[in-house]
């Protein structure tokens, strides 16, 4: 299983995946799969209608994380929560809306604990990012990590 298309599916490991049991079998006990079953699995997963429109280059994880954002251009700050995150970017819902611009550089401090107010350094991942998408009515921004 060289391609493993489920690695780029945001529905894999969720109850929304229609092929979860079949894929889990392939991951956990691949030696019990016949090569023809492997080909069927890869084809089924690659052509899955559940995620066909949502294909991404990297898997997104929905884990609620607190974030503190500072605009590097205008020195404004905002707080919010990450709705989903991948190795290349994140979708962030802001507590207080600021007029961000597409292509604006920001510094994100992602907190793995609930210590945003204290700015505890032990649980902080700092990422320089670029705003790639703005959804103003939902107070959301999509960012790409550049560092």
C-alpha atoms as a PDB file:
ATOM      1  CA  UNK A   1       0.000   0.000   0.000  1.00  0.00           C
ATOM      2  CA  UNK A   2       2.345   2.659  -1.223  1.00  0.00           C
ATOM      3  CA  UNK A   3      -0.131   5.509  -1.711  1.00  0.00           C
ATOM      4  CA  UNK A   4      -2.288   5.117   1.405  1.00  0.00           C
ATOM      5  CA  UNK A   5      -4.834   7.757   0.312  1.00  0.00           C
ATOM      6  CA  UNK A   6      -6.416   7.880   3.784  1.00  0.00           C
ATOM      7  CA  UNK A   7      -3.359   9.819   5.014  1.00  0.00           C
ATOM      8  CA  UNK A   8      -4.717  12.938   3.283  1.00  0.00           C
ATOM      9  CA  UNK A   9      -8.377  12.356   4.233  1.00  0.00           C
ATOM     10  CA  UNK A  10      -9.801  14.569   6.958  1.00  0.00           C
ATOM     11  CA  UNK A  11     -12.560  12.012   7.624  1.00  0.00           C
ATOM     12  CA  UNK A  12     -10.292   9.063   8.367  1.00  0.00           C
ATOM     13  CA  UNK A  13     -10.367   8.162  12.085  1.00  0.00           C
ATOM     14  CA  UNK A  14     -13.785   9.813  12.419  1.00  0.00           C
ATOM     15  CA  UNK A  15     -17.213   8.236  12.403  1.00  0.00           C
ATOM     16  CA  UNK A  16     -17.897   9.972   9.079  1.00  0.00           C
ATOM     17  CA  UNK A  17     -15.507   7.674   7.181  1.00  0.00           C
ATOM     18  CA  UNK A  18     -17.575   5.025   5.341  1.00  0.00           C
ATOM     19  CA  UNK A  19     -14.519   2.755   4.953  1.00  0.00           C
ATOM     20  CA  UNK A  20     -13.106   2.996   8.475  1.00  0.00           C
ATOM     21  CA  UNK A  21     -13.314  -0.712   9.396  1.00  0.00           C
ATOM     22  CA  UNK A  22     -11.796  -1.806   6.080  1.00  0.00           C
ATOM     23  CA  UNK A  23      -8.949   0.735   6.362  1.00  0.00           C
ATOM     24  CA  UNK A  24      -8.335  -0.137  10.015  1.00  0.00           C
ATOM     25  CA  UNK A  25      -7.964  -3.799   9.036  1.00  0.00           C
ATOM     26  CA  UNK A  26      -5.420  -2.828   6.378  1.00  0.00           C
ATOM     27  CA  UNK A  27      -3.409  -0.779   8.853  1.00  0.00           C
ATOM     28  CA  UNK A  28      -3.569  -3.165  11.811  1.00  0.00           C
ATOM     29  CA  UNK A  29      -3.250  -6.516  10.029  1.00  0.00           C
ATOM     30  CA  UNK A  30      -2.074  -5.878   6.455  1.00  0.00           C
ATOM     31  CA  UNK A  31      -0.622  -9.378   6.164  1.00  0.00           C
ATOM     32  CA  UNK A  32      -4.207 -10.756   6.085  1.00  0.00           C
ATOM     33  CA  UNK A  33      -5.101  -8.730   3.002  1.00  0.00           C
ATOM     34  CA  UNK A  34      -4.824 -10.221  -0.421  1.00  0.00           C
ATOM     35  CA  UNK A  35      -3.110  -7.935  -2.996  1.00  0.00           C
ATOM     36  CA  UNK A  36      -6.434  -7.628  -4.827  1.00  0.00           C
ATOM     37  CA  UNK A  37      -8.098  -6.458  -1.593  1.00  0.00           C
ATOM     38  CA  UNK A  38      -5.323  -3.917  -1.137  1.00  0.00           C
ATOM     39  CA  UNK A  39      -5.948  -2.528  -4.630  1.00  0.00           C
ATOM     40  CA  UNK A  40      -9.704  -2.373  -3.969  1.00  0.00           C
ATOM     41  CA  UNK A  41      -9.102  -0.558  -0.684  1.00  0.00           C
ATOM     42  CA  UNK A  42      -6.809   2.029  -2.252  1.00  0.00           C
ATOM     43  CA  UNK A  43      -9.231   2.624  -5.112  1.00  0.00           C
ATOM     44  CA  UNK A  44     -12.257   2.827  -2.792  1.00  0.00           C
ATOM     45  CA  UNK A  45     -10.551   5.250  -0.450  1.00  0.00           C
ATOM     46  CA  UNK A  46      -9.065   7.396  -3.219  1.00  0.00           C
ATOM     47  CA  UNK A  47     -12.486   7.750  -4.870  1.00  0.00           C
ATOM     48  CA  UNK A  48     -14.523   8.168  -1.689  1.00  0.00           C
ATOM     49  CA  UNK A  49     -17.356  10.625  -2.225  1.00  0.00           C
ATOM     50  CA  UNK A  50     -17.347  11.660   1.436  1.00  0.00           C
ATOM     51  CA  UNK A  51     -14.045  13.470   1.101  1.00  0.00           C
ATOM     52  CA  UNK A  52     -13.587  13.884  -2.657  1.00  0.00           C
ATOM     53  CA  UNK A  53     -14.109  17.647  -2.473  1.00  0.00           C
ATOM     54  CA  UNK A  54     -12.043  17.939   0.687  1.00  0.00           C
ATOM     55  CA  UNK A  55      -8.763  16.364  -0.483  1.00  0.00           C
ATOM     56  CA  UNK A  56      -5.808  18.101   1.082  1.00  0.00           C
ATOM     57  CA  UNK A  57      -2.092  17.633   0.885  1.00  0.00           C
ATOM     58  CA  UNK A  58      -1.788  16.888   4.592  1.00  0.00           C
ATOM     59  CA  UNK A  59      -4.079  15.381   7.193  1.00  0.00           C
ATOM     60  CA  UNK A  60      -5.995  17.857   9.343  1.00  0.00           C
ATOM     61  CA  UNK A  61      -6.618  17.131  12.983  1.00  0.00           C
ATOM     62  CA  UNK A  62      -9.536  18.640  14.869  1.00  0.00           C
ATOM     63  CA  UNK A  63      -8.079  19.300  18.291  1.00  0.00           C
ATOM     64  CA  UNK A  64      -9.181  22.384  20.193  1.00  0.00           C
ATOM     65  CA  UNK A  65      -6.117  24.479  20.938  1.00  0.00           C
ATOM     66  CA  UNK A  66      -5.965  28.029  22.232  1.00  0.00           C
ATOM     67  CA  UNK A  67      -4.035  30.519  20.143  1.00  0.00           C
ATOM     68  CA  UNK A  68      -2.676  34.035  20.651  1.00  0.00           C
ATOM     69  CA  UNK A  69      -2.073  35.990  17.431  1.00  0.00           C
ATOM     70  CA  UNK A  70       0.042  39.081  16.903  1.00  0.00           C
ATOM     71  CA  UNK A  71       0.037  40.962  13.630  1.00  0.00           C
ATOM     72  CA  UNK A  72       3.637  41.628  12.645  1.00  0.00           C
ATOM     73  CA  UNK A  73       2.661  44.509  10.350  1.00  0.00           C
ATOM     74  CA  UNK A  74       0.295  46.460  12.588  1.00  0.00           C
ATOM     75  CA  UNK A  75       1.141  45.139  16.076  1.00  0.00           C
ATOM     76  CA  UNK A  76      -2.431  44.097  16.888  1.00  0.00           C
ATOM     77  CA  UNK A  77      -3.315  41.053  18.974  1.00  0.00           C
ATOM     78  CA  UNK A  78      -6.172  38.567  19.059  1.00  0.00           C
ATOM     79  CA  UNK A  79      -7.044  35.341  20.828  1.00  0.00           C
ATOM     80  CA  UNK A  80      -9.012  32.387  19.597  1.00  0.00           C
ATOM     81  CA  UNK A  81      -9.203  28.647  19.124  1.00  0.00           C
ATOM     82  CA  UNK A  82      -7.828  26.417  16.415  1.00  0.00           C
ATOM     83  CA  UNK A  83     -10.662  24.466  14.784  1.00  0.00           C
ATOM     84  CA  UNK A  84      -8.355  22.164  12.832  1.00  0.00           C
ATOM     85  CA  UNK A  85      -4.625  22.009  12.266  1.00  0.00           C
ATOM     86  CA  UNK A  86      -2.177  20.245   9.979  1.00  0.00           C
ATOM     87  CA  UNK A  87       1.564  20.346   9.480  1.00  0.00           C
ATOM     88  CA  UNK A  88       1.120  23.170   6.959  1.00  0.00           C
ATOM     89  CA  UNK A  89      -1.595  25.380   8.429  1.00  0.00           C
ATOM     90  CA  UNK A  90      -4.683  25.874  10.567  1.00  0.00           C
ATOM     91  CA  UNK A  91      -8.222  27.193  10.638  1.00  0.00           C
ATOM     92  CA  UNK A  92      -8.641  29.616  13.553  1.00  0.00           C
ATOM     93  CA  UNK A  93     -11.824  30.990  15.093  1.00  0.00           C
ATOM     94  CA  UNK A  94     -11.166  34.350  16.751  1.00  0.00           C
ATOM     95  CA  UNK A  95     -12.692  35.505  20.044  1.00  0.00           C
ATOM     96  CA  UNK A  96     -12.389  39.134  18.983  1.00  0.00           C
ATOM     97  CA  UNK A  97     -12.440  40.050  15.293  1.00  0.00           C
ATOM     98  CA  UNK A  98      -9.604  42.055  13.804  1.00  0.00           C
ATOM     99  CA  UNK A  99      -9.487  43.111  10.181  1.00  0.00           C
ATOM    100  CA  UNK A 100      -6.789  40.783   8.937  1.00  0.00           C
ATOM    101  CA  UNK A 101      -5.742  40.919   5.289  1.00  0.00           C
ATOM    102  CA  UNK A 102      -4.979  38.022   2.979  1.00  0.00           C
ATOM    103  CA  UNK A 103      -1.176  37.592   2.734  1.00  0.00           C
ATOM    104  CA  UNK A 104      -0.665  39.395   6.054  1.00  0.00           C
ATOM    105  CA  UNK A 105       2.139  37.912   8.156  1.00  0.00           C
ATOM    106  CA  UNK A 106       1.259  37.037  11.732  1.00  0.00           C
ATOM    107  CA  UNK A 107       2.947  35.344  14.673  1.00  0.00           C
ATOM    108  CA  UNK A 108       0.871  32.578  16.263  1.00  0.00           C
ATOM    109  CA  UNK A 109       1.444  31.185  19.727  1.00  0.00           C
ATOM    110  CA  UNK A 110      -0.357  27.841  19.968  1.00  0.00           C
ATOM    111  CA  UNK A 111      -1.034  26.624  23.508  1.00  0.00           C
ATOM    112  CA  UNK A 112      -1.373  22.919  24.226  1.00  0.00           C
ATOM    113  CA  UNK A 113      -2.793  23.635  27.693  1.00  0.00           C
ATOM    114  CA  UNK A 114      -5.327  26.108  29.078  1.00  0.00           C
ATOM    115  CA  UNK A 115      -2.720  28.696  30.082  1.00  0.00           C
ATOM    116  CA  UNK A 116      -3.234  31.407  27.444  1.00  0.00           C
ATOM    117  CA  UNK A 117      -3.652  34.162  30.030  1.00  0.00           C
ATOM    118  CA  UNK A 118      -0.401  33.234  31.764  1.00  0.00           C
ATOM    119  CA  UNK A 119       1.593  32.854  28.504  1.00  0.00           C
ATOM    120  CA  UNK A 120       3.422  29.899  30.003  1.00  0.00           C
ATOM    121  CA  UNK A 121       6.392  29.148  27.755  1.00  0.00           C
ATOM    122  CA  UNK A 122       6.478  25.404  28.522  1.00  0.00           C
ATOM    123  CA  UNK A 123       3.347  24.656  26.472  1.00  0.00           C
ATOM    124  CA  UNK A 124       3.701  27.108  23.572  1.00  0.00           C
ATOM    125  CA  UNK A 125       4.455  26.449  19.917  1.00  0.00           C
ATOM    126  CA  UNK A 126       5.318  29.675  18.079  1.00  0.00           C
ATOM    127  CA  UNK A 127       4.629  29.742  14.340  1.00  0.00           C
ATOM    128  CA  UNK A 128       5.155  32.537  11.869  1.00  0.00           C
ATOM    129  CA  UNK A 129       2.204  32.322   9.483  1.00  0.00           C
ATOM    130  CA  UNK A 130       0.492  34.006   6.561  1.00  0.00           C
ATOM    131  CA  UNK A 131      -3.256  34.643   6.425  1.00  0.00           C
ATOM    132  CA  UNK A 132      -4.520  32.757   3.365  1.00  0.00           C
ATOM    133  CA  UNK A 133      -8.301  32.929   3.817  1.00  0.00           C
ATOM    134  CA  UNK A 134     -10.748  35.132   5.715  1.00  0.00           C
ATOM    135  CA  UNK A 135     -14.278  34.113   6.699  1.00  0.00           C
ATOM    136  CA  UNK A 136     -15.436  37.293   8.392  1.00  0.00           C
ATOM    137  CA  UNK A 137     -19.042  36.276   9.172  1.00  0.00           C
ATOM    138  CA  UNK A 138     -17.755  33.282  11.185  1.00  0.00           C
ATOM    139  CA  UNK A 139     -14.762  35.196  12.641  1.00  0.00           C
ATOM    140  CA  UNK A 140     -12.365  32.665  11.103  1.00  0.00           C
ATOM    141  CA  UNK A 141      -9.034  32.880   9.341  1.00  0.00           C
ATOM    142  CA  UNK A 142      -7.157  30.188   7.483  1.00  0.00           C
ATOM    143  CA  UNK A 143      -3.403  30.404   7.886  1.00  0.00           C
ATOM    144  CA  UNK A 144      -0.387  28.737   6.342  1.00  0.00           C
ATOM    145  CA  UNK A 145       2.683  28.156   8.485  1.00  0.00           C
ATOM    146  CA  UNK A 146       5.873  29.592   7.014  1.00  0.00           C
ATOM    147  CA  UNK A 147       8.256  28.615   9.773  1.00  0.00           C
END
